[in-house]
Amino acid sequence: MIFVLKRKWDAEAVRMYQQEQVEGLEKQLKEAKKAEKEAKAKGKAEGLVEGGYKKAIETALRFKDMGLPTADIAKGTGLSIEEIEKLN
């Protein structure tokens, strides 16, 4: 009778260990997916900022070619006067 109980206890211990392992892997997978999602969102935001800056530079160059004053170009594009003066 003791051997039967020991086998039962051993089987239960193995089952519980396997369950803990599965739960741990599921948690790691969930965290990895969350981190990936956050990284994509951050990359997208950075891309939008960079694209907006490039667009402001292009607009400033066009305004400069039109002969607008630097202060007006800075006001219209959001760029600093120093940035505009560096443009060719």
Protein backbone atom coordinates (compact mmCIF):
# COMPACT_ATOMS: atom_id res chain seq x y z
CA MET A 1 0.00 0.00 0.00
CA ILE A 2 2.85 2.41 0.79
CA PHE A 3 4.36 1.83 -2.67
CA VAL A 4 1.07 2.71 -4.32
CA LEU A 5 0.87 5.98 -2.37
CA LYS A 6 4.51 6.79 -3.16
CA ARG A 7 3.91 6.29 -6.87
CA LYS A 8 0.82 8.47 -6.63
CA TRP A 9 2.74 11.21 -4.78
CA ASP A 10 5.62 11.00 -7.24
CA ALA A 11 3.26 11.24 -10.20
CA GLU A 12 1.56 14.25 -8.65
CA ALA A 13 4.92 15.92 -7.98
CA VAL A 14 5.96 15.39 -11.61
CA ARG A 15 2.62 16.75 -12.86
CA MET A 16 2.91 19.84 -10.67
CA TYR A 17 6.50 20.45 -11.82
CA GLN A 18 5.48 20.20 -15.47
CA GLN A 19 2.59 22.57 -14.87
CA GLU A 20 4.95 25.11 -13.26
CA GLN A 21 7.29 24.81 -16.24
CA VAL A 22 4.45 25.41 -18.71
CA GLU A 23 3.22 28.41 -16.73
CA GLY A 24 6.75 29.84 -16.65
CA LEU A 25 7.14 29.46 -20.41
CA GLU A 26 3.74 31.04 -21.03
CA LYS A 27 4.74 33.99 -18.84
CA GLN A 28 8.02 34.41 -20.74
CA LEU A 29 6.21 34.29 -24.07
CA LYS A 30 3.70 36.89 -22.91
CA GLU A 31 6.49 39.21 -21.73
CA ALA A 32 8.38 38.77 -25.00
CA LYS A 33 5.30 39.64 -27.03
CA LYS A 34 4.71 42.71 -24.87
CA ALA A 35 8.32 43.85 -25.30
CA GLU A 36 8.09 43.34 -29.06
CA LYS A 37 4.89 45.35 -29.25
CA GLU A 38 6.44 48.19 -27.22
CA ALA A 39 9.55 48.19 -29.43
CA LYS A 40 7.43 48.42 -32.58
CA ALA A 41 5.43 51.30 -31.13
CA LYS A 42 8.61 53.12 -30.12
CA GLY A 43 10.13 52.60 -33.56
CA LYS A 44 7.00 53.88 -35.25
CA ALA A 45 6.94 56.99 -33.05
CA GLU A 46 10.61 57.68 -33.77
CA GLY A 47 9.97 57.27 -37.49
CA LEU A 48 7.10 59.75 -37.37
CA VAL A 49 9.24 62.30 -35.52
CA GLU A 50 12.09 61.88 -37.98
CA GLY A 51 9.72 62.15 -40.94
CA GLY A 52 8.20 65.32 -39.51
CA TYR A 53 11.65 66.84 -39.06
CA LYS A 54 12.64 65.99 -42.65
CA LYS A 55 9.40 67.54 -43.90
CA ALA A 56 10.14 70.72 -41.92
CA ILE A 57 13.62 70.88 -43.48
CA GLU A 58 12.17 70.48 -46.99
CA THR A 59 9.61 73.19 -46.32
CA ALA A 60 12.26 75.51 -44.91
CA LEU A 61 14.40 75.02 -48.01
CA ARG A 62 11.47 75.90 -50.25
CA PHE A 63 10.67 79.01 -48.18
CA LYS A 64 14.33 80.00 -48.27
CA ASP A 65 14.37 79.65 -52.07
CA MET A 66 11.29 81.90 -52.17
CA GLY A 67 13.27 84.56 -50.28
CA LEU A 68 11.25 84.59 -47.06
CA PRO A 69 12.94 86.02 -43.95
CA THR A 70 14.61 83.46 -41.69
CA ALA A 71 12.46 84.45 -38.70
CA ASP A 72 9.27 83.77 -40.70
CA ILE A 73 10.62 80.43 -41.89
CA ALA A 74 11.44 79.47 -38.29
CA LYS A 75 7.96 80.46 -37.19
CA GLY A 76 6.30 78.50 -39.99
CA THR A 77 8.34 75.31 -39.71
CA GLY A 78 9.14 75.11 -36.01
CA LEU A 79 12.86 74.93 -36.75
CA SER A 80 15.36 77.13 -35.00
CA ILE A 81 16.92 80.09 -36.79
CA GLU A 82 20.32 78.41 -36.46
CA GLU A 83 19.04 75.27 -38.21
CA ILE A 84 17.61 77.33 -41.04
CA GLU A 85 20.77 79.36 -41.49
CA LYS A 86 22.78 76.11 -41.86
CA LEU A 87 20.61 74.98 -44.76
CA ASN A 88 21.90 75.45 -48.31
